[in-house]
N, C-alpha and C. Protein backbone atom coordinates (compact mmCIF):
# COMPACT_ATOMS: atom_id res chain seq x y z
N UNK A 1 -2.29 -4.74 26.25
CA UNK A 1 -1.61 -5.08 25.04
C UNK A 1 -2.73 -5.35 24.07
N UNK A 2 -2.60 -4.61 22.82
CA UNK A 2 -3.48 -4.60 21.57
C UNK A 2 -3.74 -5.78 21.10
N UNK A 3 -5.25 -6.29 20.86
CA UNK A 3 -5.61 -7.53 20.28
C UNK A 3 -5.20 -7.60 18.69
N UNK A 4 -4.34 -8.66 18.29
CA UNK A 4 -4.54 -8.73 17.17
C UNK A 4 -5.46 -8.70 16.12
N UNK A 5 -5.63 -7.90 15.05
CA UNK A 5 -6.67 -8.05 14.38
C UNK A 5 -6.82 -9.49 13.48
N UNK A 6 -7.91 -10.26 13.71
CA UNK A 6 -7.92 -11.74 12.98
C UNK A 6 -8.63 -11.76 11.84
N UNK A 7 -8.04 -12.24 10.97
CA UNK A 7 -8.81 -12.97 9.51
C UNK A 7 -8.49 -14.18 9.33
N UNK A 8 -9.15 -15.00 8.62
CA UNK A 8 -9.19 -16.32 8.13
C UNK A 8 -9.01 -16.42 6.83
N UNK A 9 -8.24 -17.13 6.08
CA UNK A 9 -8.18 -17.22 4.62
C UNK A 9 -8.92 -18.76 4.34
N UNK A 10 -9.66 -18.60 3.56
CA UNK A 10 -10.40 -20.05 3.05
C UNK A 10 -9.65 -21.18 2.52
N UNK A 11 -10.23 -22.44 2.49
CA UNK A 11 -9.25 -23.43 2.00
C UNK A 11 -10.46 -24.09 1.04
N UNK A 12 -11.54 -24.05 1.22
CA UNK A 12 -12.24 -24.77 0.15
C UNK A 12 -12.92 -24.16 -0.54
N UNK A 13 -13.47 -24.62 -2.01
CA UNK A 13 -13.83 -23.57 -2.90
C UNK A 13 -15.35 -22.86 -2.76
N UNK A 14 -16.37 -23.44 -1.82
CA UNK A 14 -17.49 -22.48 -1.68
C UNK A 14 -16.83 -21.22 -0.83
N UNK A 15 -15.78 -21.80 0.28
CA UNK A 15 -15.30 -20.21 1.12
C UNK A 15 -14.34 -19.38 0.46
N UNK A 16 -13.95 -19.86 -0.57
CA UNK A 16 -12.83 -19.06 -1.41
C UNK A 16 -13.67 -18.09 -2.37
N UNK A 17 -14.90 -18.83 -2.76
CA UNK A 17 -15.77 -18.08 -3.86
C UNK A 17 -16.35 -16.87 -2.78
N UNK A 18 -16.81 -17.14 -1.61
CA UNK A 18 -17.47 -16.21 -0.64
C UNK A 18 -16.51 -15.25 -0.15
N UNK A 19 -15.07 -15.81 0.16
CA UNK A 19 -14.03 -14.54 0.22
C UNK A 19 -13.81 -13.80 -0.77
N UNK A 20 -13.84 -14.48 -2.04
CA UNK A 20 -13.64 -13.49 -3.16
C UNK A 20 -14.66 -12.30 -3.29
N UNK A 21 -15.88 -12.76 -3.29
CA UNK A 21 -16.92 -11.99 -3.24
C UNK A 21 -16.93 -10.89 -2.22
N UNK A 22 -16.52 -11.00 -1.01
CA UNK A 22 -16.26 -10.25 -0.10
C UNK A 22 -15.24 -9.16 -0.37
N UNK A 23 -14.21 -9.49 -0.62
CA UNK A 23 -13.10 -8.38 -1.00
C UNK A 23 -13.32 -7.85 -2.06
N UNK A 24 -13.85 -8.38 -3.09
CA UNK A 24 -14.58 -7.46 -4.64
C UNK A 24 -15.45 -6.30 -3.95
N UNK A 25 -16.44 -7.06 -3.01
CA UNK A 25 -17.56 -6.17 -2.40
C UNK A 25 -16.76 -4.64 -1.89
N UNK A 26 -15.83 -5.30 -0.93
CA UNK A 26 -15.08 -4.08 -0.13
C UNK A 26 -14.35 -3.17 -0.97
N UNK A 27 -13.81 -3.64 -1.94
CA UNK A 27 -12.88 -2.91 -3.28
C UNK A 27 -13.73 -1.86 -3.77
N UNK A 28 -15.11 -2.68 -3.97
CA UNK A 28 -15.92 -1.65 -4.78
C UNK A 28 -16.43 -0.51 -4.04
N UNK A 29 -16.82 -1.06 -2.74
CA UNK A 29 -17.36 0.31 -1.86
C UNK A 29 -16.55 1.29 -1.47
N UNK A 30 -14.88 0.81 -1.61
CA UNK A 30 -14.04 1.61 -1.16
C UNK A 30 -13.63 2.71 -2.58
N UNK A 31 -13.87 2.07 -3.60
CA UNK A 31 -13.58 2.83 -4.76
C UNK A 31 -14.84 3.86 -4.70
N UNK A 32 -16.04 3.44 -4.42
CA UNK A 32 -17.17 4.38 -4.81
C UNK A 32 -17.05 5.65 -3.77
N UNK A 33 -16.69 5.24 -2.59
CA UNK A 33 -16.65 6.17 -1.56
C UNK A 33 -15.65 7.25 -1.90
N UNK A 34 -14.43 6.67 -2.25
CA UNK A 34 -13.23 7.15 -2.39
C UNK A 34 -12.56 7.39 -1.52
N UNK A 35 -13.01 6.68 -0.16
CA UNK A 35 -12.47 6.83 1.22
C UNK A 35 -12.67 5.66 1.85
N UNK A 36 -12.44 5.21 3.16
CA UNK A 36 -12.55 4.06 4.06
C UNK A 36 -13.64 4.55 4.96
N UNK A 37 -14.01 5.82 4.77
CA UNK A 37 -15.09 6.48 5.95
C UNK A 37 -16.46 5.69 5.62
N UNK A 38 -16.91 5.25 6.65
CA UNK A 38 -18.31 4.84 6.20
C UNK A 38 -18.27 3.40 6.14
N UNK A 39 -17.17 2.69 5.95
CA UNK A 39 -17.35 1.39 5.44
C UNK A 39 -17.45 0.34 6.61
N UNK A 40 -18.29 -0.41 6.43
CA UNK A 40 -18.81 -1.35 7.45
C UNK A 40 -18.98 -2.73 7.06
N UNK A 41 -18.75 -3.66 7.90
CA UNK A 41 -18.82 -5.14 7.71
C UNK A 41 -20.51 -5.34 7.00
N UNK A 42 -21.22 -4.82 7.58
CA UNK A 42 -22.95 -4.90 7.02
C UNK A 42 -22.98 -4.45 5.68
N UNK A 43 -22.41 -3.26 5.35
CA UNK A 43 -22.40 -2.81 3.96
C UNK A 43 -21.76 -4.01 3.10
N UNK A 44 -20.46 -4.31 3.40
CA UNK A 44 -20.05 -5.34 2.45
C UNK A 44 -20.72 -6.56 2.59
N UNK A 45 -21.01 -6.96 3.43
CA UNK A 45 -21.95 -8.16 3.65
C UNK A 45 -23.30 -8.09 2.43
N UNK A 46 -23.92 -6.89 2.32
CA UNK A 46 -25.05 -6.55 1.77
C UNK A 46 -24.41 -6.63 0.26
N UNK A 47 -23.57 -6.02 0.02
CA UNK A 47 -22.95 -5.82 -1.34
C UNK A 47 -22.41 -7.37 -1.90
N UNK A 48 -21.88 -7.89 -1.12
CA UNK A 48 -21.29 -9.20 -1.33
C UNK A 48 -22.50 -10.43 -1.73
N UNK A 49 -23.69 -9.74 -0.82
CA UNK A 49 -24.57 -10.94 -1.17
C UNK A 49 -24.19 -12.01 -0.47
N UNK A 50 -23.60 -11.87 0.88
CA UNK A 50 -23.29 -13.18 1.47
C UNK A 50 -23.82 -12.98 3.06
N UNK A 51 -24.13 -13.87 3.96
CA UNK A 51 -24.84 -13.65 5.53
C UNK A 51 -23.56 -13.22 5.80
N UNK A 52 -23.93 -12.25 6.80
CA UNK A 52 -23.04 -11.51 7.72
C UNK A 52 -22.28 -12.44 8.48
N UNK A 53 -22.61 -13.62 8.89
CA UNK A 53 -21.98 -14.39 9.74
C UNK A 53 -21.00 -15.04 8.71
N UNK A 54 -21.20 -15.19 7.31
CA UNK A 54 -19.94 -15.66 6.48
C UNK A 54 -18.84 -14.62 6.69
N UNK A 55 -19.38 -13.49 6.70
CA UNK A 55 -18.13 -12.13 6.65
C UNK A 55 -17.42 -12.30 8.21
N UNK A 56 -18.05 -12.69 8.86
CA UNK A 56 -17.65 -12.52 10.56
C UNK A 56 -16.75 -13.75 10.52
N UNK A 57 -17.10 -14.69 10.03
CA UNK A 57 -16.27 -15.74 9.86
C UNK A 57 -14.73 -15.73 9.21
N UNK A 58 -14.88 -15.01 8.36
CA UNK A 58 -13.28 -14.35 7.47
C UNK A 58 -12.64 -13.40 8.32
N UNK A 59 -13.52 -12.54 9.04
CA UNK A 59 -13.05 -11.32 9.42
C UNK A 59 -13.67 -10.96 10.78
N UNK A 60 -12.86 -10.65 11.95
CA UNK A 60 -13.64 -10.42 13.18
C UNK A 60 -13.98 -8.94 13.36
N UNK A 61 -13.52 -8.09 12.24
CA UNK A 61 -13.71 -6.74 12.21
C UNK A 61 -13.55 -6.02 11.34
N UNK A 62 -13.81 -4.68 10.99
CA UNK A 62 -13.54 -3.94 9.60
C UNK A 62 -12.13 -3.71 9.63
N UNK A 63 -11.34 -3.57 10.72
CA UNK A 63 -10.09 -3.35 10.40
C UNK A 63 -9.31 -4.75 10.30
N UNK A 64 -9.51 -5.78 10.53
CA UNK A 64 -9.16 -7.03 9.80
C UNK A 64 -9.12 -7.17 8.34
N UNK A 65 -10.42 -6.82 8.03
CA UNK A 65 -10.49 -6.76 6.42
C UNK A 65 -9.87 -5.86 5.70
N UNK A 66 -9.82 -4.68 6.35
CA UNK A 66 -8.83 -3.60 5.61
C UNK A 66 -7.29 -4.06 5.67
N UNK A 67 -6.78 -4.65 6.85
CA UNK A 67 -5.64 -5.26 6.83
C UNK A 67 -5.34 -6.32 5.82
N UNK A 68 -6.31 -7.07 5.71
CA UNK A 68 -6.20 -8.31 4.64
C UNK A 68 -6.12 -7.38 3.30
N UNK A 69 -6.93 -6.29 2.98
CA UNK A 69 -7.14 -5.78 1.87
C UNK A 69 -5.55 -5.10 1.19
N UNK A 70 -4.99 -4.48 2.84
CA UNK A 70 -3.83 -3.90 2.62
C UNK A 70 -2.36 -5.02 2.04
N UNK A 71 -2.73 -6.07 3.08
CA UNK A 71 -1.69 -7.07 2.47
C UNK A 71 -1.94 -7.63 0.92
N UNK A 72 -3.07 -7.59 0.36
CA UNK A 72 -3.26 -8.17 -0.92
C UNK A 72 -2.63 -7.16 -2.00
N UNK A 73 -3.02 -5.77 -1.52
CA UNK A 73 -2.36 -4.81 -2.37
C UNK A 73 -0.96 -4.68 -2.51
N UNK A 74 -0.07 -4.81 -1.18
CA UNK A 74 1.17 -4.68 -1.00
C UNK A 74 1.88 -6.06 -1.83
N UNK A 75 1.08 -7.12 -1.91
CA UNK A 75 1.76 -8.40 -2.39
C UNK A 75 1.60 -8.10 -4.12
N UNK A 76 0.52 -7.70 -4.21
CA UNK A 76 0.36 -7.68 -5.72
C UNK A 76 1.37 -6.47 -6.52
N UNK A 77 1.41 -5.44 -5.73
CA UNK A 77 2.32 -4.54 -6.18
C UNK A 77 3.87 -4.74 -6.29
N UNK A 78 4.28 -5.55 -5.00
CA UNK A 78 5.42 -5.89 -5.15
C UNK A 78 5.90 -6.85 -6.30
N UNK A 79 4.73 -7.94 -6.44
CA UNK A 79 5.07 -8.59 -7.58
C UNK A 79 5.13 -8.14 -8.82
N UNK A 80 4.53 -7.03 -9.04
CA UNK A 80 4.49 -6.25 -10.10
C UNK A 80 5.83 -5.39 -10.75
N UNK A 81 6.69 -5.14 -9.27
CA UNK A 81 7.64 -4.19 -9.57
C UNK A 81 8.58 -4.87 -10.89
N UNK A 82 9.17 -4.33 -11.81
CA UNK A 82 9.86 -4.85 -13.04
C UNK A 82 11.29 -5.19 -12.10
N UNK A 83 12.07 -6.29 -12.68
CA UNK A 83 13.42 -6.39 -12.30
C UNK A 83 14.25 -5.35 -13.01
N UNK A 84 15.14 -4.43 -12.35
CA UNK A 84 15.48 -3.40 -12.48
C UNK A 84 16.88 -4.03 -13.47
N UNK A 85 17.47 -3.40 -14.33
CA UNK A 85 18.95 -3.75 -14.94
C UNK A 85 20.13 -3.47 -14.09
N UNK A 86 20.88 -4.38 -14.27
CA UNK A 86 21.94 -4.34 -12.97
C UNK A 86 22.89 -3.36 -13.05
N UNK A 87 22.98 -2.26 -14.07
CA UNK A 87 23.70 -1.35 -14.20
C UNK A 87 22.94 -0.03 -13.66
N UNK A 88 21.51 0.02 -13.24
CA UNK A 88 21.07 1.17 -12.63
C UNK A 88 21.75 1.44 -11.36
N UNK A 89 21.86 2.75 -11.36
CA UNK A 89 21.83 3.55 -9.89
C UNK A 89 20.86 3.83 -9.32
N UNK A 90 21.16 4.36 -8.06
CA UNK A 90 20.22 4.60 -7.12
C UNK A 90 18.99 5.37 -7.69
N UNK A 91 19.36 6.46 -8.11
CA UNK A 91 18.45 7.54 -8.98
C UNK A 91 17.43 6.63 -9.75
N UNK A 92 18.09 5.87 -10.59
CA UNK A 92 17.15 4.98 -11.86
C UNK A 92 16.46 4.02 -10.84
N UNK A 93 17.00 3.34 -10.31
CA UNK A 93 16.19 2.58 -9.06
C UNK A 93 15.15 2.91 -8.36
N UNK A 94 15.40 4.20 -7.78
CA UNK A 94 14.19 4.89 -7.31
C UNK A 94 13.28 5.49 -7.96
N UNK A 95 13.53 5.96 -9.12
CA UNK A 95 12.35 6.24 -10.17
C UNK A 95 11.71 4.94 -10.41
N UNK A 96 12.34 3.84 -10.89
CA UNK A 96 11.80 2.73 -11.39
C UNK A 96 10.73 2.51 -10.32
N UNK A 97 11.29 2.41 -9.12
CA UNK A 97 10.23 2.03 -7.56
C UNK A 97 9.13 2.80 -7.84
N UNK A 98 9.21 4.23 -7.73
CA UNK A 98 8.03 5.22 -7.68
C UNK A 98 7.29 4.99 -8.87
N UNK A 99 7.70 5.00 -9.89
CA UNK A 99 6.96 4.90 -11.22
C UNK A 99 6.01 3.92 -11.13
N UNK A 100 6.81 2.37 -10.64
CA UNK A 100 5.89 1.40 -10.65
C UNK A 100 4.70 1.15 -9.69
N UNK A 101 5.19 2.24 -8.44
CA UNK A 101 4.14 1.97 -7.57
C UNK A 101 2.80 2.90 -8.19
N UNK A 102 3.17 4.07 -8.73
CA UNK A 102 2.05 5.11 -8.84
C UNK A 102 1.46 4.34 -10.17
N UNK A 103 2.10 3.67 -10.93
CA UNK A 103 1.27 2.90 -12.05
C UNK A 103 0.33 1.62 -11.63
N UNK A 104 0.60 1.05 -10.45
CA UNK A 104 -0.08 0.09 -9.64
C UNK A 104 -1.28 0.95 -8.76
N UNK A 105 -0.84 1.94 -8.24
CA UNK A 105 -2.02 2.62 -7.64
C UNK A 105 -3.11 3.23 -8.58
N UNK A 106 -2.63 3.82 -9.78
CA UNK A 106 -3.54 4.00 -10.66
C UNK A 106 -4.46 3.03 -11.28
N UNK A 107 -3.85 1.90 -11.58
CA UNK A 107 -4.76 0.93 -12.10
C UNK A 107 -5.58 0.04 -10.82
N UNK A 108 -5.18 0.17 -9.57
CA UNK A 108 -5.97 -0.08 -8.66
C UNK A 108 -6.35 0.65 -7.29
N UNK A 109 -7.38 1.36 -7.50
CA UNK A 109 -7.60 2.52 -6.97
C UNK A 109 -8.17 2.29 -5.16
N UNK A 110 -8.82 1.11 -5.16
CA UNK A 110 -9.10 0.57 -3.62
C UNK A 110 -7.53 0.57 -2.96
N UNK A 111 -6.38 -0.13 -3.75
CA UNK A 111 -5.07 -0.29 -2.75
C UNK A 111 -4.63 1.34 -2.87
N UNK A 112 -4.69 2.06 -3.52
CA UNK A 112 -4.21 3.41 -3.67
C UNK A 112 -4.75 4.19 -2.44
N UNK A 113 -6.14 4.17 -2.10
CA UNK A 113 -7.10 4.80 -1.19
C UNK A 113 -6.64 4.24 0.20
N UNK A 114 -6.43 2.64 0.16
CA UNK A 114 -6.18 1.82 1.80
C UNK A 114 -4.85 2.59 2.13
N UNK A 115 -3.48 2.60 0.96
CA UNK A 115 -2.10 2.61 1.34
C UNK A 115 -2.09 4.30 1.72
N UNK A 116 -2.87 5.32 1.14
CA UNK A 116 -2.79 6.52 0.98
C UNK A 116 -3.47 7.32 1.96
N UNK A 117 -4.65 6.94 2.21
CA UNK A 117 -5.62 7.46 3.07
C UNK A 117 -6.00 6.51 4.05
N UNK A 118 -4.93 5.90 4.98
CA UNK A 118 -5.16 5.00 5.76
C UNK A 118 -5.99 5.45 7.16
N UNK A 119 -6.87 4.78 7.83
CA UNK A 119 -7.64 4.85 9.07
C UNK A 119 -6.88 5.34 10.20
N UNK A 120 -5.67 4.90 10.45
CA UNK A 120 -5.04 5.19 11.79
C UNK A 120 -3.46 5.53 11.48
N UNK A 121 -2.90 6.09 12.22
CA UNK A 121 -1.57 6.43 12.16
C UNK A 121 -0.78 4.99 12.18
N UNK A 122 -1.30 4.20 12.93
CA UNK A 122 -0.82 2.67 12.99
C UNK A 122 -0.78 2.19 11.65
N UNK A 123 -1.67 2.39 10.92
CA UNK A 123 -1.95 1.72 9.49
C UNK A 123 -0.76 2.52 8.66
N UNK A 124 -0.82 4.13 8.73
CA UNK A 124 -0.01 4.61 7.76
C UNK A 124 1.62 4.21 8.30
N UNK A 125 1.52 4.15 9.51
CA UNK A 125 3.36 3.68 9.93
C UNK A 125 3.72 2.01 9.06
N UNK A 126 2.71 1.41 9.06
CA UNK A 126 2.82 0.00 8.51
C UNK A 126 3.11 0.14 6.95
N UNK A 127 2.43 0.98 6.52
CA UNK A 127 2.70 1.07 4.99
C UNK A 127 4.02 1.85 4.68
N UNK A 128 4.34 2.93 5.63
CA UNK A 128 5.61 3.45 5.19
C UNK A 128 6.89 2.39 5.67
N UNK A 129 6.48 1.72 6.78
CA UNK A 129 7.69 0.84 6.93
C UNK A 129 7.88 -0.54 5.97
N UNK A 130 6.83 -1.23 5.74
CA UNK A 130 6.57 -2.08 4.86
C UNK A 130 7.25 -1.94 3.37
N UNK A 131 7.04 -0.67 2.94
CA UNK A 131 7.48 -0.36 1.42
C UNK A 131 9.07 0.38 1.74
N UNK A 132 9.33 1.08 2.79
CA UNK A 132 10.56 1.36 3.23
C UNK A 132 11.67 0.38 3.12
N UNK A 133 10.99 -0.67 4.01
CA UNK A 133 12.04 -2.12 4.22
C UNK A 133 12.26 -2.80 2.68
N UNK A 134 11.05 -2.58 1.89
CA UNK A 134 11.34 -3.26 0.23
C UNK A 134 12.44 -2.53 -0.02
N UNK A 135 12.08 -1.22 -0.47
CA UNK A 135 13.25 -0.15 -0.81
C UNK A 135 14.70 -0.65 -0.51
N UNK A 136 14.73 -0.59 1.05
CA UNK A 136 16.13 -0.69 1.55
C UNK A 136 16.78 -1.85 1.03
N UNK A 137 15.94 -3.33 1.06
CA UNK A 137 16.38 -4.50 0.67
C UNK A 137 16.69 -4.45 -0.58
N UNK A 138 16.21 -3.74 -1.64
CA UNK A 138 16.70 -3.70 -3.01
C UNK A 138 18.03 -2.79 -3.18
N UNK A 139 17.99 -1.79 -2.33
CA UNK A 139 19.31 -0.90 -2.27
C UNK A 139 20.54 -1.74 -1.94
N UNK A 140 20.37 -2.67 -0.76
CA UNK A 140 21.46 -3.22 -0.31
C UNK A 140 21.57 -4.10 -1.25
N UNK A 141 20.73 -4.97 -1.70
CA UNK A 141 21.26 -5.97 -2.78
C UNK A 141 22.05 -5.56 -3.75
N UNK A 142 21.87 -4.17 -4.14
CA UNK A 142 22.41 -3.70 -5.38
C UNK A 142 23.88 -3.00 -4.76
N UNK A 143 24.22 -3.24 -3.61
CA UNK A 143 25.19 -2.28 -2.84
C UNK A 143 25.38 -1.04 -3.05
N UNK A 144 24.05 -0.34 -3.04
CA UNK A 144 23.97 1.02 -3.17
C UNK A 144 23.83 1.96 -1.71
N UNK A 145 23.87 0.98 -0.74
CA UNK A 145 23.21 1.31 0.58
C UNK A 145 23.81 0.33 1.68
N UNK A 146 24.55 0.81 2.82
CA UNK A 146 24.52 -0.15 3.68
C UNK A 146 23.65 -0.74 4.29
N UNK A 147 23.91 -1.90 4.69
CA UNK A 147 22.55 -2.92 5.50
C UNK A 147 22.85 -2.34 7.07
N UNK A 148 22.28 -1.26 7.27
CA UNK A 148 22.22 -0.79 8.83
C UNK A 148 20.57 -0.13 9.12
N UNK A 149 20.35 -0.17 10.31
CA UNK A 149 19.22 0.53 10.48
C UNK A 149 18.94 1.74 10.29
N UNK A 150 19.98 2.73 10.44
CA UNK A 150 20.12 3.90 9.75
C UNK A 150 19.56 4.10 8.37
N UNK A 151 20.12 2.83 7.40
CA UNK A 151 19.77 3.35 5.92
C UNK A 151 18.52 2.93 6.04
N UNK A 152 17.72 1.79 6.55
CA UNK A 152 16.63 1.48 6.55
C UNK A 152 15.79 2.50 7.15
N UNK A 153 15.91 3.17 8.16
CA UNK A 153 15.04 4.29 8.37
C UNK A 153 15.11 5.34 7.54
N UNK A 154 16.21 5.50 6.69
CA UNK A 154 15.93 6.26 5.68
C UNK A 154 15.33 6.42 4.62
N UNK A 155 15.07 4.83 4.15
CA UNK A 155 14.03 4.52 3.03
C UNK A 155 12.76 4.59 3.55
N UNK A 156 12.68 4.26 4.90
CA UNK A 156 11.24 4.47 5.41
C UNK A 156 10.89 5.73 5.43
N UNK A 157 11.74 6.81 5.62
CA UNK A 157 11.53 8.37 5.72
C UNK A 157 11.05 8.50 4.20
N UNK A 158 11.78 8.08 3.31
CA UNK A 158 11.87 8.41 1.91
C UNK A 158 10.22 8.13 1.41
N UNK A 159 9.97 6.59 1.79
CA UNK A 159 8.76 6.35 1.55
C UNK A 159 7.53 7.07 2.01
N UNK A 160 7.75 7.74 3.17
CA UNK A 160 6.85 8.25 4.01
C UNK A 160 6.57 9.90 3.04
N UNK A 161 7.97 10.58 2.66
CA UNK A 161 7.67 11.45 1.81
C UNK A 161 7.16 11.28 0.47
N UNK A 162 7.17 10.23 -0.23
CA UNK A 162 6.28 9.96 -1.67
C UNK A 162 4.88 9.90 -1.04
N UNK A 163 4.83 9.00 0.12
CA UNK A 163 3.04 8.88 0.27
C UNK A 163 2.60 10.32 0.93
N UNK A 164 3.19 11.01 1.54
CA UNK A 164 2.71 12.61 1.93
C UNK A 164 2.34 13.25 0.83
N UNK A 165 2.96 13.30 -0.26
CA UNK A 165 2.78 14.11 -1.50
C UNK A 165 1.52 13.65 -2.06
N UNK A 166 1.82 12.01 -2.62
CA UNK A 166 0.48 11.27 -3.23
C UNK A 166 -0.73 11.76 -2.37
N UNK A 167 -0.52 11.20 -1.14
CA UNK A 167 -1.88 11.39 -0.20
C UNK A 167 -2.70 12.98 -0.27
N UNK A 168 -1.62 13.93 -0.34
CA UNK A 168 -2.22 15.15 -0.81
C UNK A 168 -2.75 15.15 -2.24
N UNK A 169 -2.37 14.93 -2.97
CA UNK A 169 -2.66 14.68 -4.45
C UNK A 169 -4.24 14.07 -4.51
N UNK A 170 -4.18 12.79 -3.70
CA UNK A 170 -5.35 12.17 -3.79
C UNK A 170 -6.59 12.92 -3.19
N UNK A 171 -6.12 13.26 -1.85
CA UNK A 171 -7.30 14.30 -1.11
C UNK A 171 -7.63 15.45 -1.98
N UNK A 172 -6.87 16.03 -2.68
CA UNK A 172 -7.32 17.21 -3.51
C UNK A 172 -7.72 16.88 -4.84
N UNK A 173 -7.08 16.09 -5.42
CA UNK A 173 -7.65 15.90 -6.80
C UNK A 173 -8.22 14.35 -7.28
N UNK A 174 -8.22 13.94 -6.11
CA UNK A 174 -9.22 12.59 -6.21
C UNK A 174 -8.07 11.36 -7.06
N UNK A 175 -6.93 11.55 -7.50
CA UNK A 175 -6.00 10.79 -7.98
C UNK A 175 -4.41 11.34 -7.72
N UNK A 176 -3.55 10.33 -8.36
CA UNK A 176 -2.05 11.03 -8.21
C UNK A 176 -1.84 11.97 -9.51
N UNK A 177 -2.04 13.13 -9.39
CA UNK A 177 -1.61 13.68 -10.85
C UNK A 177 -0.41 13.79 -11.15
N UNK A 178 -0.01 14.09 -12.38
CA UNK A 178 1.47 14.53 -12.99
C UNK A 178 1.96 15.35 -12.04
N UNK A 179 1.42 16.42 -11.76
CA UNK A 179 2.09 17.72 -11.20
C UNK A 179 2.61 17.15 -9.63
N UNK A 180 1.56 16.41 -8.87
CA UNK A 180 2.03 16.12 -7.48
C UNK A 180 3.07 14.87 -7.84
N UNK A 181 3.00 14.13 -8.46
CA UNK A 181 4.11 13.22 -8.70
C UNK A 181 5.38 13.60 -8.95
N UNK A 182 5.23 14.47 -10.11
CA UNK A 182 6.69 15.20 -10.20
C UNK A 182 7.19 15.80 -8.96
N UNK A 183 6.07 16.40 -8.15
CA UNK A 183 6.95 17.07 -6.99
C UNK A 183 7.46 15.80 -5.77
N UNK A 184 6.72 14.66 -5.97
CA UNK A 184 7.19 13.55 -5.31
C UNK A 184 8.62 13.11 -5.71
N UNK A 185 8.87 13.06 -6.88
CA UNK A 185 9.95 12.52 -7.57
C UNK A 185 11.21 13.89 -7.09
N UNK A 186 10.70 14.98 -7.20
CA UNK A 186 11.94 16.10 -6.55
C UNK A 186 12.18 15.82 -5.39
N UNK A 187 11.25 15.65 -4.38
CA UNK A 187 11.54 15.57 -2.98
C UNK A 187 12.44 14.21 -2.47
N UNK A 188 11.89 13.27 -3.33
CA UNK A 188 12.56 12.11 -2.98
C UNK A 188 14.01 12.18 -3.38
N UNK A 189 14.19 12.37 -4.62
CA UNK A 189 15.77 12.52 -5.23
C UNK A 189 16.33 13.67 -4.10
N UNK A 190 16.01 14.54 -4.00
CA UNK A 190 16.80 15.45 -3.24
C UNK A 190 17.10 14.93 -1.98
N UNK A 191 16.21 13.99 -1.13
CA UNK A 191 16.19 13.61 0.10
C UNK A 191 17.19 12.30 0.15
N UNK A 192 17.05 11.48 -1.19
CA UNK A 192 18.08 10.47 -1.15
C UNK A 192 19.50 10.83 -1.29
N UNK A 193 19.56 11.92 -2.08
CA UNK A 193 21.03 12.47 -2.56
C UNK A 193 21.55 12.85 -1.06
N UNK A 194 20.64 13.56 -0.21
CA UNK A 194 21.36 14.02 0.79
C UNK A 194 21.72 12.95 1.78
N UNK A 195 21.04 11.64 1.85
CA UNK A 195 21.59 10.56 2.50
C UNK A 195 22.64 9.74 2.06
N UNK A 196 22.69 9.59 0.69
CA UNK A 196 23.84 8.81 -0.10
C UNK A 196 24.83 9.35 -0.22
N UNK A 197 25.06 10.75 -0.34
CA UNK A 197 26.18 11.76 -1.03
C UNK A 197 26.73 12.58 0.41
N UNK A 198 26.13 12.08 1.15
CA UNK A 198 26.39 13.13 2.57
C UNK A 198 27.83 12.55 3.22
């Protein structure tokens, strides 16, 4: 059985300040490198100007730190999604979701890199699953899709399609370009039409 990645969240002011410096240092290093390659706890501790023991107190591994960054980015992205008007159909809702995610990523390059260029298949599957399930919940809430495992899986696949196109853009262009974003839009609208209108 695989060991769960461990991280601790601080509760006192000095710990909160150190934790914030660690997170900011990690995000800064990720943005500079434009990837997660070469990111180590030692580099982060030096950049954050904290003793390594402080960093290890909060994160038992680099994977635990990256997981914490992923969770932070996911929560921030979901919090920024606008409330869609009640009259929105599935197309408008899907485009609002996609456009909001793109805007968030462009403003938060570390979150974009962590989500679109993860270091493992497990991490990629987590991204696809988490955002696919959020989209499914939104579609079900609006009675646009049944609350079924098949429908949830379709939303996970849809999210994987968006991520695949955006990941290619990030790898080739260093960002999500309008051309690749338009292609992601075409692909997901076509896919969702085949799912919902079949």
